[in-house]
């Protein structure tokens, strides 16, 4: 895997396959209990990675920042914040000259902003079905920066919640459901129907729910695309889906079934005709937007733009009735 290379691989040209490419990285650290050097594998969705670069020679420190924020560096025409993953997870890194020679920076684009993350090496790229990625145990997910785990080639790979990390470091990345005035309201024939939400983050679920309920909408939440699909299918089979469902708002990255696959299934089934699907994700950017278009998404919104959700939901509903 070469440095300074974008990840425009074949999967980015496909849509709705319920697959992703995982770039595996590792952290190498001192185990305080045994004194040995330990190595832990983590994963990141390749769609978030723009390039790999060498550790910058010059860093500008940011006063009063968290300890894992090592500073900012200049990459061509961009100023990139640099975050030390090992320090974020509370490990003491192996800083020997031999180890540091292998350190690399993953330059990511998340919610339209660029961030660099220090890893101690990058291993392979795996093409994996979302069905193979399982949510972490609830007791872990509440207190850690992990979104899922998967077993690949006999190795456990922990999927890092990069969004939660940057939201802690950069306040502008926090979704604020209370900061926006709500002026749009559902019309009479929409009031009894529900907006179905699919998002594996309970926090994001709550933020979307509060925003929609504040505007007068009823909400039904699900933890991933698979749960949402099974719920919708029961209604469709019973012949009540159009009586019960107003629209679907889905994250893209979710265990078991991602938002692109969920959207594709809905749009390919005539039983759901007239029900808009909106993708609400940190992956909504110029590079990935074409995938949402390809599966028929009615709109795509980046997560910090929660204040636009109600207005754009109403626009989708209006477009489908005119």
C-alpha atoms as a PDB file:
ATOM      1  CA  UNK A   1       0.000   0.000   0.000  1.00  0.00           C
ATOM      2  CA  UNK A   2       1.638   3.185  -1.134  1.00  0.00           C
ATOM      3  CA  UNK A   3       1.638   6.481   0.660  1.00  0.00           C
ATOM      4  CA  UNK A   4       0.001   9.654  -0.643  1.00  0.00           C
ATOM      5  CA  UNK A   5      -2.574   7.567  -2.516  1.00  0.00           C
ATOM      6  CA  UNK A   6      -6.340   8.050  -2.656  1.00  0.00           C
ATOM      7  CA  UNK A   7      -8.556   5.004  -2.177  1.00  0.00           C
ATOM      8  CA  UNK A   8     -10.710   5.219  -5.316  1.00  0.00           C
ATOM      9  CA  UNK A   9     -11.011   1.444  -5.489  1.00  0.00           C
ATOM     10  CA  UNK A  10     -13.639  -0.504  -7.378  1.00  0.00           C
ATOM     11  CA  UNK A  11     -16.042  -0.656  -4.456  1.00  0.00           C
ATOM     12  CA  UNK A  12     -16.439   3.123  -4.583  1.00  0.00           C
ATOM     13  CA  UNK A  13     -17.812   2.686  -8.105  1.00  0.00           C
ATOM     14  CA  UNK A  14     -20.534   0.304  -6.942  1.00  0.00           C
ATOM     15  CA  UNK A  15     -23.659   1.019  -4.976  1.00  0.00           C
ATOM     16  CA  UNK A  16     -25.928  -0.903  -2.661  1.00  0.00           C
ATOM     17  CA  UNK A  17     -23.785  -4.062  -2.419  1.00  0.00           C
ATOM     18  CA  UNK A  18     -23.846  -3.930   1.402  1.00  0.00           C
ATOM     19  CA  UNK A  19     -20.064  -4.123   1.378  1.00  0.00           C
ATOM     20  CA  UNK A  20     -17.233  -1.854   2.378  1.00  0.00           C
ATOM     21  CA  UNK A  21     -13.487  -1.859   2.176  1.00  0.00           C
ATOM     22  CA  UNK A  22     -11.711  -1.814   5.523  1.00  0.00           C
ATOM     23  CA  UNK A  23      -8.195  -0.451   5.802  1.00  0.00           C
ATOM     24  CA  UNK A  24      -6.580  -2.186   8.753  1.00  0.00           C
ATOM     25  CA  UNK A  25      -4.156  -0.231  10.886  1.00  0.00           C
ATOM     26  CA  UNK A  26      -2.384  -1.154  14.075  1.00  0.00           C
ATOM     27  CA  UNK A  27      -1.172   0.473  17.258  1.00  0.00           C
ATOM     28  CA  UNK A  28       1.918  -0.812  19.058  1.00  0.00           C
ATOM     29  CA  UNK A  29       2.104  -0.055  22.773  1.00  0.00           C
ATOM     30  CA  UNK A  30       3.636  -0.962  26.115  1.00  0.00           C
ATOM     31  CA  UNK A  31       1.532  -3.319  28.224  1.00  0.00           C
ATOM     32  CA  UNK A  32       1.910  -1.908  31.744  1.00  0.00           C
ATOM     33  CA  UNK A  33       0.927  -5.245  33.286  1.00  0.00           C
ATOM     34  CA  UNK A  34       3.408  -7.509  31.527  1.00  0.00           C
ATOM     35  CA  UNK A  35       5.975  -5.008  30.291  1.00  0.00           C
ATOM     36  CA  UNK A  36       5.697  -6.522  26.829  1.00  0.00           C
ATOM     37  CA  UNK A  37       5.004  -4.731  23.552  1.00  0.00           C
ATOM     38  CA  UNK A  38       1.407  -5.324  22.424  1.00  0.00           C
ATOM     39  CA  UNK A  39      -0.141  -4.739  19.051  1.00  0.00           C
ATOM     40  CA  UNK A  40      -3.839  -4.127  18.394  1.00  0.00           C
ATOM     41  CA  UNK A  41      -5.611  -4.080  15.022  1.00  0.00           C
ATOM     42  CA  UNK A  42      -8.214  -1.459  14.158  1.00  0.00           C
ATOM     43  CA  UNK A  43     -10.197  -0.681  11.046  1.00  0.00           C
ATOM     44  CA  UNK A  44     -11.451   2.326   9.124  1.00  0.00           C
ATOM     45  CA  UNK A  45     -13.840   2.476   6.191  1.00  0.00           C
ATOM     46  CA  UNK A  46     -11.674   3.162   3.135  1.00  0.00           C
ATOM     47  CA  UNK A  47     -14.273   5.668   1.925  1.00  0.00           C
ATOM     48  CA  UNK A  48     -13.135   8.019   4.700  1.00  0.00           C
ATOM     49  CA  UNK A  49      -9.424   7.882   3.851  1.00  0.00           C
ATOM     50  CA  UNK A  50      -8.082  10.322   1.295  1.00  0.00           C
ATOM     51  CA  UNK A  51      -4.404   9.411   1.494  1.00  0.00           C
ATOM     52  CA  UNK A  52      -1.552   8.126   3.632  1.00  0.00           C
ATOM     53  CA  UNK A  53       1.358  10.447   4.328  1.00  0.00           C
ATOM     54  CA  UNK A  54       4.556  10.278   6.326  1.00  0.00           C
ATOM     55  CA  UNK A  55       4.713  11.812   9.787  1.00  0.00           C
ATOM     56  CA  UNK A  56       5.048  15.583   9.301  1.00  0.00           C
ATOM     57  CA  UNK A  57       8.394  17.092  10.177  1.00  0.00           C
ATOM     58  CA  UNK A  58       6.812  20.288  11.486  1.00  0.00           C
ATOM     59  CA  UNK A  59       3.789  20.599  13.778  1.00  0.00           C
ATOM     60  CA  UNK A  60       2.125  23.704  15.188  1.00  0.00           C
ATOM     61  CA  UNK A  61       0.733  23.090  18.664  1.00  0.00           C
ATOM     62  CA  UNK A  62      -2.820  24.106  19.535  1.00  0.00           C
ATOM     63  CA  UNK A  63      -3.087  25.727  22.985  1.00  0.00           C
ATOM     64  CA  UNK A  64      -5.531  24.151  25.461  1.00  0.00           C
ATOM     65  CA  UNK A  65      -6.303  21.216  23.189  1.00  0.00           C
ATOM     66  CA  UNK A  66      -6.790  17.654  24.416  1.00  0.00           C
ATOM     67  CA  UNK A  67      -3.625  15.608  24.931  1.00  0.00           C
ATOM     68  CA  UNK A  68      -4.203  13.398  21.898  1.00  0.00           C
ATOM     69  CA  UNK A  69      -4.329  16.449  19.619  1.00  0.00           C
ATOM     70  CA  UNK A  70      -0.668  16.785  18.683  1.00  0.00           C
ATOM     71  CA  UNK A  71      -1.069  19.952  16.608  1.00  0.00           C
ATOM     72  CA  UNK A  72      -1.714  20.933  13.013  1.00  0.00           C
ATOM     73  CA  UNK A  73       0.363  20.468   9.893  1.00  0.00           C
ATOM     74  CA  UNK A  74       0.232  21.777   6.359  1.00  0.00           C
ATOM     75  CA  UNK A  75      -0.539  19.337   3.562  1.00  0.00           C
ATOM     76  CA  UNK A  76      -0.377  21.154   0.262  1.00  0.00           C
ATOM     77  CA  UNK A  77      -3.104  23.810   0.597  1.00  0.00           C
ATOM     78  CA  UNK A  78      -4.810  22.370   3.693  1.00  0.00           C
ATOM     79  CA  UNK A  79      -4.221  22.747   7.406  1.00  0.00           C
ATOM     80  CA  UNK A  80      -4.756  19.308   8.949  1.00  0.00           C
ATOM     81  CA  UNK A  81      -5.323  18.624  12.688  1.00  0.00           C
ATOM     82  CA  UNK A  82      -3.211  15.643  13.809  1.00  0.00           C
ATOM     83  CA  UNK A  83      -4.620  13.191  16.371  1.00  0.00           C
ATOM     84  CA  UNK A  84      -2.625  10.446  18.089  1.00  0.00           C
ATOM     85  CA  UNK A  85      -4.852   7.360  18.183  1.00  0.00           C
ATOM     86  CA  UNK A  86      -2.621   5.544  20.648  1.00  0.00           C
ATOM     87  CA  UNK A  87      -2.848   8.393  23.138  1.00  0.00           C
ATOM     88  CA  UNK A  88      -6.598   8.687  22.533  1.00  0.00           C
ATOM     89  CA  UNK A  89      -7.059   5.060  23.593  1.00  0.00           C
ATOM     90  CA  UNK A  90      -4.873   5.580  26.652  1.00  0.00           C
ATOM     91  CA  UNK A  91      -1.906   3.476  25.541  1.00  0.00           C
ATOM     92  CA  UNK A  92       1.768   4.280  25.965  1.00  0.00           C
ATOM     93  CA  UNK A  93       3.115   3.966  22.418  1.00  0.00           C
ATOM     94  CA  UNK A  94       6.219   2.052  21.467  1.00  0.00           C
ATOM     95  CA  UNK A  95       8.406   5.041  20.610  1.00  0.00           C
ATOM     96  CA  UNK A  96      11.577   3.170  19.780  1.00  0.00           C
ATOM     97  CA  UNK A  97      13.374   4.433  16.639  1.00  0.00           C
ATOM     98  CA  UNK A  98      12.552   1.180  14.840  1.00  0.00           C
ATOM     99  CA  UNK A  99       8.846   1.529  15.645  1.00  0.00           C
ATOM    100  CA  UNK A 100       8.594   5.252  14.894  1.00  0.00           C
ATOM    101  CA  UNK A 101      10.114   4.707  11.469  1.00  0.00           C
ATOM    102  CA  UNK A 102       6.919   2.855  10.534  1.00  0.00           C
ATOM    103  CA  UNK A 103       4.460   5.449  11.825  1.00  0.00           C
ATOM    104  CA  UNK A 104       2.087   6.866   9.243  1.00  0.00           C
ATOM    105  CA  UNK A 105      -0.712   9.440   9.098  1.00  0.00           C
ATOM    106  CA  UNK A 106      -4.122   8.558   7.690  1.00  0.00           C
ATOM    107  CA  UNK A 107      -5.625  11.715   6.207  1.00  0.00           C
ATOM    108  CA  UNK A 108      -9.400  11.394   6.419  1.00  0.00           C
ATOM    109  CA  UNK A 109     -12.399  13.387   5.279  1.00  0.00           C
ATOM    110  CA  UNK A 110     -15.293  13.183   7.739  1.00  0.00           C
ATOM    111  CA  UNK A 111     -18.331  15.426   7.586  1.00  0.00           C
ATOM    112  CA  UNK A 112     -16.551  17.540   4.992  1.00  0.00           C
ATOM    113  CA  UNK A 113     -13.489  18.245   7.150  1.00  0.00           C
ATOM    114  CA  UNK A 114      -9.986  16.809   6.981  1.00  0.00           C
ATOM    115  CA  UNK A 115      -8.243  15.186   9.966  1.00  0.00           C
ATOM    116  CA  UNK A 116      -5.004  13.246  10.307  1.00  0.00           C
ATOM    117  CA  UNK A 117      -4.685  10.200  12.587  1.00  0.00           C
ATOM    118  CA  UNK A 118      -1.360   8.708  13.647  1.00  0.00           C
ATOM    119  CA  UNK A 119      -1.152   4.932  13.240  1.00  0.00           C
ATOM    120  CA  UNK A 120       1.877   2.748  13.851  1.00  0.00           C
ATOM    121  CA  UNK A 121       1.459   0.966  10.553  1.00  0.00           C
ATOM    122  CA  UNK A 122      -1.087  -0.006   7.944  1.00  0.00           C
ATOM    123  CA  UNK A 123      -1.677  -3.608   6.980  1.00  0.00           C
ATOM    124  CA  UNK A 124      -4.174  -4.887   4.412  1.00  0.00           C
ATOM    125  CA  UNK A 125      -7.360  -3.732   2.752  1.00  0.00           C
ATOM    126  CA  UNK A 126     -10.261  -6.150   3.150  1.00  0.00           C
ATOM    127  CA  UNK A 127     -13.528  -6.181   1.264  1.00  0.00           C
ATOM    128  CA  UNK A 128     -16.150  -7.143   3.848  1.00  0.00           C
ATOM    129  CA  UNK A 129     -19.923  -7.464   3.973  1.00  0.00           C
ATOM    130  CA  UNK A 130     -21.637  -5.299   6.557  1.00  0.00           C
ATOM    131  CA  UNK A 131     -23.337  -8.506   7.710  1.00  0.00           C
ATOM    132  CA  UNK A 132     -19.946  -9.594   9.100  1.00  0.00           C
ATOM    133  CA  UNK A 133     -19.571  -6.468  11.229  1.00  0.00           C
ATOM    134  CA  UNK A 134     -21.252  -6.831  14.583  1.00  0.00           C
ATOM    135  CA  UNK A 135     -22.061  -4.080  17.065  1.00  0.00           C
ATOM    136  CA  UNK A 136     -19.772  -4.055  20.095  1.00  0.00           C
ATOM    137  CA  UNK A 137     -21.314  -5.267  23.360  1.00  0.00           C
ATOM    138  CA  UNK A 138     -23.506  -2.570  24.878  1.00  0.00           C
ATOM    139  CA  UNK A 139     -21.311  -2.209  27.953  1.00  0.00           C
ATOM    140  CA  UNK A 140     -18.369  -1.422  25.642  1.00  0.00           C
ATOM    141  CA  UNK A 141     -20.154   0.774  23.109  1.00  0.00           C
ATOM    142  CA  UNK A 142     -21.365   3.149  25.807  1.00  0.00           C
ATOM    143  CA  UNK A 143     -17.856   4.003  26.973  1.00  0.00           C
ATOM    144  CA  UNK A 144     -15.531   3.343  24.046  1.00  0.00           C
ATOM    145  CA  UNK A 145     -14.729   4.780  20.635  1.00  0.00           C
ATOM    146  CA  UNK A 146     -15.693   1.655  18.727  1.00  0.00           C
ATOM    147  CA  UNK A 147     -18.617   1.137  16.349  1.00  0.00           C
ATOM    148  CA  UNK A 148     -18.235  -2.560  15.599  1.00  0.00           C
ATOM    149  CA  UNK A 149     -16.022  -5.620  15.461  1.00  0.00           C
ATOM    150  CA  UNK A 150     -15.405  -8.177  12.738  1.00  0.00           C
ATOM    151  CA  UNK A 151     -13.332 -11.315  12.269  1.00  0.00           C
ATOM    152  CA  UNK A 152     -11.160 -11.306   9.141  1.00  0.00           C
ATOM    153  CA  UNK A 153      -8.549 -13.967   8.367  1.00  0.00           C
ATOM    154  CA  UNK A 154      -8.767 -15.129  11.961  1.00  0.00           C
ATOM    155  CA  UNK A 155      -8.035 -11.646  13.326  1.00  0.00           C
ATOM    156  CA  UNK A 156     -10.405  -9.478  15.338  1.00  0.00           C
ATOM    157  CA  UNK A 157     -10.578  -5.991  13.854  1.00  0.00           C
ATOM    158  CA  UNK A 158     -12.114  -3.223  15.939  1.00  0.00           C
ATOM    159  CA  UNK A 159     -13.865  -0.522  13.915  1.00  0.00           C
ATOM    160  CA  UNK A 160     -13.017   2.913  15.313  1.00  0.00           C
ATOM    161  CA  UNK A 161     -15.698   5.553  15.833  1.00  0.00           C
ATOM    162  CA  UNK A 162     -13.710   8.384  14.268  1.00  0.00           C
ATOM    163  CA  UNK A 163     -16.776  10.655  14.330  1.00  0.00           C
ATOM    164  CA  UNK A 164     -17.003  10.535  18.120  1.00  0.00           C
ATOM    165  CA  UNK A 165     -13.281  11.259  18.411  1.00  0.00           C
ATOM    166  CA  UNK A 166     -13.387  14.363  16.245  1.00  0.00           C
ATOM    167  CA  UNK A 167     -16.629  15.546  17.868  1.00  0.00           C
ATOM    168  CA  UNK A 168     -14.795  15.543  21.216  1.00  0.00           C
ATOM    169  CA  UNK A 169     -11.877  17.469  19.755  1.00  0.00           C
ATOM    170  CA  UNK A 170     -13.683  19.840  17.377  1.00  0.00           C
ATOM    171  CA  UNK A 171     -16.885  21.384  18.838  1.00  0.00           C
ATOM    172  CA  UNK A 172     -18.038  22.431  15.360  1.00  0.00           C
ATOM    173  CA  UNK A 173     -18.521  18.739  14.530  1.00  0.00           C
ATOM    174  CA  UNK A 174     -21.081  18.204  17.300  1.00  0.00           C
ATOM    175  CA  UNK A 175     -24.664  17.809  16.126  1.00  0.00           C
ATOM    176  CA  UNK A 176     -26.904  20.162  18.095  1.00  0.00           C
ATOM    177  CA  UNK A 177     -30.578  19.289  17.832  1.00  0.00           C
ATOM    178  CA  UNK A 178     -31.605  22.267  19.984  1.00  0.00           C
ATOM    179  CA  UNK A 179     -29.810  25.018  18.072  1.00  0.00           C
ATOM    180  CA  UNK A 180     -32.252  25.413  15.198  1.00  0.00           C
ATOM    181  CA  UNK A 181     -35.675  26.999  15.048  1.00  0.00           C
ATOM    182  CA  UNK A 182     -38.339  24.718  13.581  1.00  0.00           C
ATOM    183  CA  UNK A 183     -40.789  26.411  11.237  1.00  0.00           C
ATOM    184  CA  UNK A 184     -41.937  23.518   9.016  1.00  0.00           C
ATOM    185  CA  UNK A 185     -44.737  21.304  10.303  1.00  0.00           C
ATOM    186  CA  UNK A 186     -46.296  18.159   8.883  1.00  0.00           C
ATOM    187  CA  UNK A 187     -49.520  18.679   6.991  1.00  0.00           C
ATOM    188  CA  UNK A 188     -52.704  16.876   8.003  1.00  0.00           C
ATOM    189  CA  UNK A 189     -52.152  13.692   5.967  1.00  0.00           C
ATOM    190  CA  UNK A 190     -48.599  13.338   7.336  1.00  0.00           C
ATOM    191  CA  UNK A 191     -49.341  13.736  11.040  1.00  0.00           C
ATOM    192  CA  UNK A 192     -50.179  10.101  11.800  1.00  0.00           C
ATOM    193  CA  UNK A 193     -47.363   8.569   9.770  1.00  0.00           C
ATOM    194  CA  UNK A 194     -43.880   7.939  11.118  1.00  0.00           C
ATOM    195  CA  UNK A 195     -40.408   8.868   9.943  1.00  0.00           C
ATOM    196  CA  UNK A 196     -38.369   5.666  10.210  1.00  0.00           C
ATOM    197  CA  UNK A 197     -34.797   6.238  11.430  1.00  0.00           C
ATOM    198  CA  UNK A 198     -31.918   3.793  10.966  1.00  0.00           C
ATOM    199  CA  UNK A 199     -28.735   4.701  12.829  1.00  0.00           C
ATOM    200  CA  UNK A 200     -26.401   2.585  14.948  1.00  0.00           C
ATOM    201  CA  UNK A 201     -25.561   5.515  17.226  1.00  0.00           C
ATOM    202  CA  UNK A 202     -28.087   5.902  20.017  1.00  0.00           C
ATOM    203  CA  UNK A 203     -26.951   9.500  20.475  1.00  0.00           C
ATOM    204  CA  UNK A 204     -27.584  10.359  16.817  1.00  0.00           C
ATOM    205  CA  UNK A 205     -30.918   8.541  16.946  1.00  0.00           C
ATOM    206  CA  UNK A 206     -31.963  10.704  19.880  1.00  0.00           C
ATOM    207  CA  UNK A 207     -30.811  13.906  18.157  1.00  0.00           C
ATOM    208  CA  UNK A 208     -32.740  13.130  14.977  1.00  0.00           C
ATOM    209  CA  UNK A 209     -35.796  12.052  16.971  1.00  0.00           C
ATOM    210  CA  UNK A 210     -35.799  15.237  19.061  1.00  0.00           C
ATOM    211  CA  UNK A 211     -35.487  17.405  15.955  1.00  0.00           C
ATOM    212  CA  UNK A 212     -38.331  15.670  14.133  1.00  0.00           C
ATOM    213  CA  UNK A 213     -40.611  15.427  17.166  1.00  0.00           C
ATOM    214  CA  UNK A 214     -40.041  19.112  17.866  1.00  0.00           C
ATOM    215  CA  UNK A 215     -41.411  19.753  14.375  1.00  0.00           C
ATOM    216  CA  UNK A 216     -44.447  17.552  15.044  1.00  0.00           C
ATOM    217  CA  UNK A 217     -43.404  14.289  13.392  1.00  0.00           C
ATOM    218  CA  UNK A 218     -43.804  10.811  14.811  1.00  0.00           C
ATOM    219  CA  UNK A 219     -40.576   8.783  14.822  1.00  0.00           C
ATOM    220  CA  UNK A 220     -39.754   5.063  14.838  1.00  0.00           C
ATOM    221  CA  UNK A 221     -36.061   4.305  15.469  1.00  0.00           C
ATOM    222  CA  UNK A 222     -33.949   1.279  14.553  1.00  0.00           C
ATOM    223  CA  UNK A 223     -30.353   0.375  15.410  1.00  0.00           C
ATOM    224  CA  UNK A 224     -29.288  -0.573  11.884  1.00  0.00           C
ATOM    225  CA  UNK A 225     -30.508  -1.040   8.335  1.00  0.00           C
ATOM    226  CA  UNK A 226     -31.424  -4.685   8.899  1.00  0.00           C
ATOM    227  CA  UNK A 227     -33.784  -3.844  11.758  1.00  0.00           C
ATOM    228  CA  UNK A 228     -35.362  -1.045   9.720  1.00  0.00           C
ATOM    229  CA  UNK A 229     -35.772  -3.283   6.664  1.00  0.00           C
ATOM    230  CA  UNK A 230     -37.457  -6.056   8.663  1.00  0.00           C
ATOM    231  CA  UNK A 231     -39.833  -3.506  10.191  1.00  0.00           C
ATOM    232  CA  UNK A 232     -40.703  -2.063   6.775  1.00  0.00           C
ATOM    233  CA  UNK A 233     -41.169  -5.491   5.230  1.00  0.00           C
ATOM    234  CA  UNK A 234     -43.678  -6.510   7.916  1.00  0.00           C
ATOM    235  CA  UNK A 235     -45.707  -3.397   7.157  1.00  0.00           C
ATOM    236  CA  UNK A 236     -45.481  -3.935   3.404  1.00  0.00           C
ATOM    237  CA  UNK A 237     -46.568  -7.562   3.641  1.00  0.00           C
ATOM    238  CA  UNK A 238     -49.479  -6.513   5.858  1.00  0.00           C
ATOM    239  CA  UNK A 239     -50.424  -3.852   3.328  1.00  0.00           C
ATOM    240  CA  UNK A 240     -50.035  -0.988   5.824  1.00  0.00           C
ATOM    241  CA  UNK A 241     -46.651   0.507   4.917  1.00  0.00           C
ATOM    242  CA  UNK A 242     -48.144   3.598   3.231  1.00  0.00           C
ATOM    243  CA  UNK A 243     -50.488   4.119   6.170  1.00  0.00           C
ATOM    244  CA  UNK A 244     -47.655   3.904   8.692  1.00  0.00           C
ATOM    245  CA  UNK A 245     -44.495   5.277   7.036  1.00  0.00           C
ATOM    246  CA  UNK A 246     -43.941   8.841   5.862  1.00  0.00           C
ATOM    247  CA  UNK A 247     -40.212   8.684   5.049  1.00  0.00           C
ATOM    248  CA  UNK A 248     -36.964   6.902   5.918  1.00  0.00           C
ATOM    249  CA  UNK A 249     -33.871   8.660   7.284  1.00  0.00           C
ATOM    250  CA  UNK A 250     -30.830   6.399   7.326  1.00  0.00           C
ATOM    251  CA  UNK A 251     -27.188   6.499   8.277  1.00  0.00           C
ATOM    252  CA  UNK A 252     -24.814   4.919   5.731  1.00  0.00           C
ATOM    253  CA  UNK A 253     -22.288   3.080   7.916  1.00  0.00           C
ATOM    254  CA  UNK A 254     -24.122   0.486  10.035  1.00  0.00           C
ATOM    255  CA  UNK A 255     -23.502  -3.121  11.062  1.00  0.00           C
ATOM    256  CA  UNK A 256     -25.425  -5.875   9.242  1.00  0.00           C
ATOM    257  CA  UNK A 257     -26.992  -3.628   6.548  1.00  0.00           C
ATOM    258  CA  UNK A 258     -25.726  -0.231   5.450  1.00  0.00           C
ATOM    259  CA  UNK A 259     -27.828   2.703   4.339  1.00  0.00           C
ATOM    260  CA  UNK A 260     -27.024   2.347   0.642  1.00  0.00           C
ATOM    261  CA  UNK A 261     -28.261  -1.234   0.605  1.00  0.00           C
ATOM    262  CA  UNK A 262     -31.366  -0.300   2.607  1.00  0.00           C
ATOM    263  CA  UNK A 263     -32.127   2.532   0.190  1.00  0.00           C
ATOM    264  CA  UNK A 264     -31.590   0.294  -2.842  1.00  0.00           C
ATOM    265  CA  UNK A 265     -33.967  -2.351  -1.482  1.00  0.00           C
ATOM    266  CA  UNK A 266     -36.665   0.224  -0.827  1.00  0.00           C
ATOM    267  CA  UNK A 267     -36.308   1.904  -4.205  1.00  0.00           C
ATOM    268  CA  UNK A 268     -36.308  -1.376  -6.130  1.00  0.00           C
ATOM    269  CA  UNK A 269     -39.566  -2.559  -4.528  1.00  0.00           C
ATOM    270  CA  UNK A 270     -42.717  -1.000  -5.970  1.00  0.00           C
ATOM    271  CA  UNK A 271     -44.442  -1.634  -2.664  1.00  0.00           C
ATOM    272  CA  UNK A 272     -42.579   1.374  -1.238  1.00  0.00           C
ATOM    273  CA  UNK A 273     -43.281   3.768  -4.126  1.00  0.00           C
ATOM    274  CA  UNK A 274     -43.748   7.318  -2.898  1.00  0.00           C
ATOM    275  CA  UNK A 275     -41.793   6.885   0.351  1.00  0.00           C
ATOM    276  CA  UNK A 276     -38.698   9.130   0.259  1.00  0.00           C
ATOM    277  CA  UNK A 277     -35.347   7.923   1.583  1.00  0.00           C
ATOM    278  CA  UNK A 278     -32.856  10.430   2.962  1.00  0.00           C
ATOM    279  CA  UNK A 279     -29.259   9.506   3.775  1.00  0.00           C
ATOM    280  CA  UNK A 280     -27.887  11.304   6.841  1.00  0.00           C
ATOM    281  CA  UNK A 281     -24.224  10.463   7.282  1.00  0.00           C
ATOM    282  CA  UNK A 282     -20.672  11.645   7.844  1.00  0.00           C
ATOM    283  CA  UNK A 283     -19.869  10.011   4.478  1.00  0.00           C
ATOM    284  CA  UNK A 284     -21.940  12.487   2.469  1.00  0.00           C
ATOM    285  CA  UNK A 285     -19.222  14.197   0.448  1.00  0.00           C
ATOM    286  CA  UNK A 286     -18.444  14.839  -3.208  1.00  0.00           C
ATOM    287  CA  UNK A 287     -16.566  11.554  -3.572  1.00  0.00           C
ATOM    288  CA  UNK A 288     -19.283   9.317  -2.106  1.00  0.00           C
ATOM    289  CA  UNK A 289     -22.425  11.230  -3.076  1.00  0.00           C
ATOM    290  CA  UNK A 290     -22.717   9.425  -6.408  1.00  0.00           C
ATOM    291  CA  UNK A 291     -23.319   6.151  -4.537  1.00  0.00           C
ATOM    292  CA  UNK A 292     -26.407   7.596  -2.892  1.00  0.00           C
ATOM    293  CA  UNK A 293     -27.603   8.933  -6.231  1.00  0.00           C
ATOM    294  CA  UNK A 294     -27.082   5.503  -7.794  1.00  0.00           C
ATOM    295  CA  UNK A 295     -29.364   3.779  -5.265  1.00  0.00           C
ATOM    296  CA  UNK A 296     -32.060   6.406  -5.670  1.00  0.00           C
ATOM    297  CA  UNK A 297     -31.725   8.436  -2.463  1.00  0.00           C
ATOM    298  CA  UNK A 298     -34.089  11.401  -2.491  1.00  0.00           C
ATOM    299  CA  UNK A 299     -31.619  13.548  -0.545  1.00  0.00           C
ATOM    300  CA  UNK A 300     -28.253  13.254   1.209  1.00  0.00           C
ATOM    301  CA  UNK A 301     -27.323  15.331   4.250  1.00  0.00           C
ATOM    302  CA  UNK A 302     -24.026  15.553   6.134  1.00  0.00           C
ATOM    303  CA  UNK A 303     -24.489  14.965   9.860  1.00  0.00           C
ATOM    304  CA  UNK A 304     -23.559  18.442  11.108  1.00  0.00           C
ATOM    305  CA  UNK A 305     -26.393  19.815   8.935  1.00  0.00           C
ATOM    306  CA  UNK A 306     -29.127  18.524  11.258  1.00  0.00           C
ATOM    307  CA  UNK A 307     -30.798  21.925  11.178  1.00  0.00           C
ATOM    308  CA  UNK A 308     -31.661  21.359   7.512  1.00  0.00           C
ATOM    309  CA  UNK A 309     -33.307  17.980   8.083  1.00  0.00           C
ATOM    310  CA  UNK A 310     -36.912  19.135   8.529  1.00  0.00           C
ATOM    311  CA  UNK A 311     -36.807  21.611   5.636  1.00  0.00           C
ATOM    312  CA  UNK A 312     -35.298  19.055   3.294  1.00  0.00           C
ATOM    313  CA  UNK A 313     -37.695  16.341   4.449  1.00  0.00           C
ATOM    314  CA  UNK A 314     -40.570  18.610   3.555  1.00  0.00           C
ATOM    315  CA  UNK A 315     -38.953  19.300   0.160  1.00  0.00           C
ATOM    316  CA  UNK A 316     -38.711  15.556  -0.526  1.00  0.00           C
ATOM    317  CA  UNK A 317     -42.359  15.036   0.425  1.00  0.00           C
ATOM    318  CA  UNK A 318     -43.410  17.974  -1.733  1.00  0.00           C
ATOM    319  CA  UNK A 319     -41.418  16.737  -4.741  1.00  0.00           C
ATOM    320  CA  UNK A 320     -43.071  13.324  -4.538  1.00  0.00           C
ATOM    321  CA  UNK A 321     -46.565  14.791  -4.507  1.00  0.00           C
ATOM    322  CA  UNK A 322     -46.160  17.303  -7.340  1.00  0.00           C
END
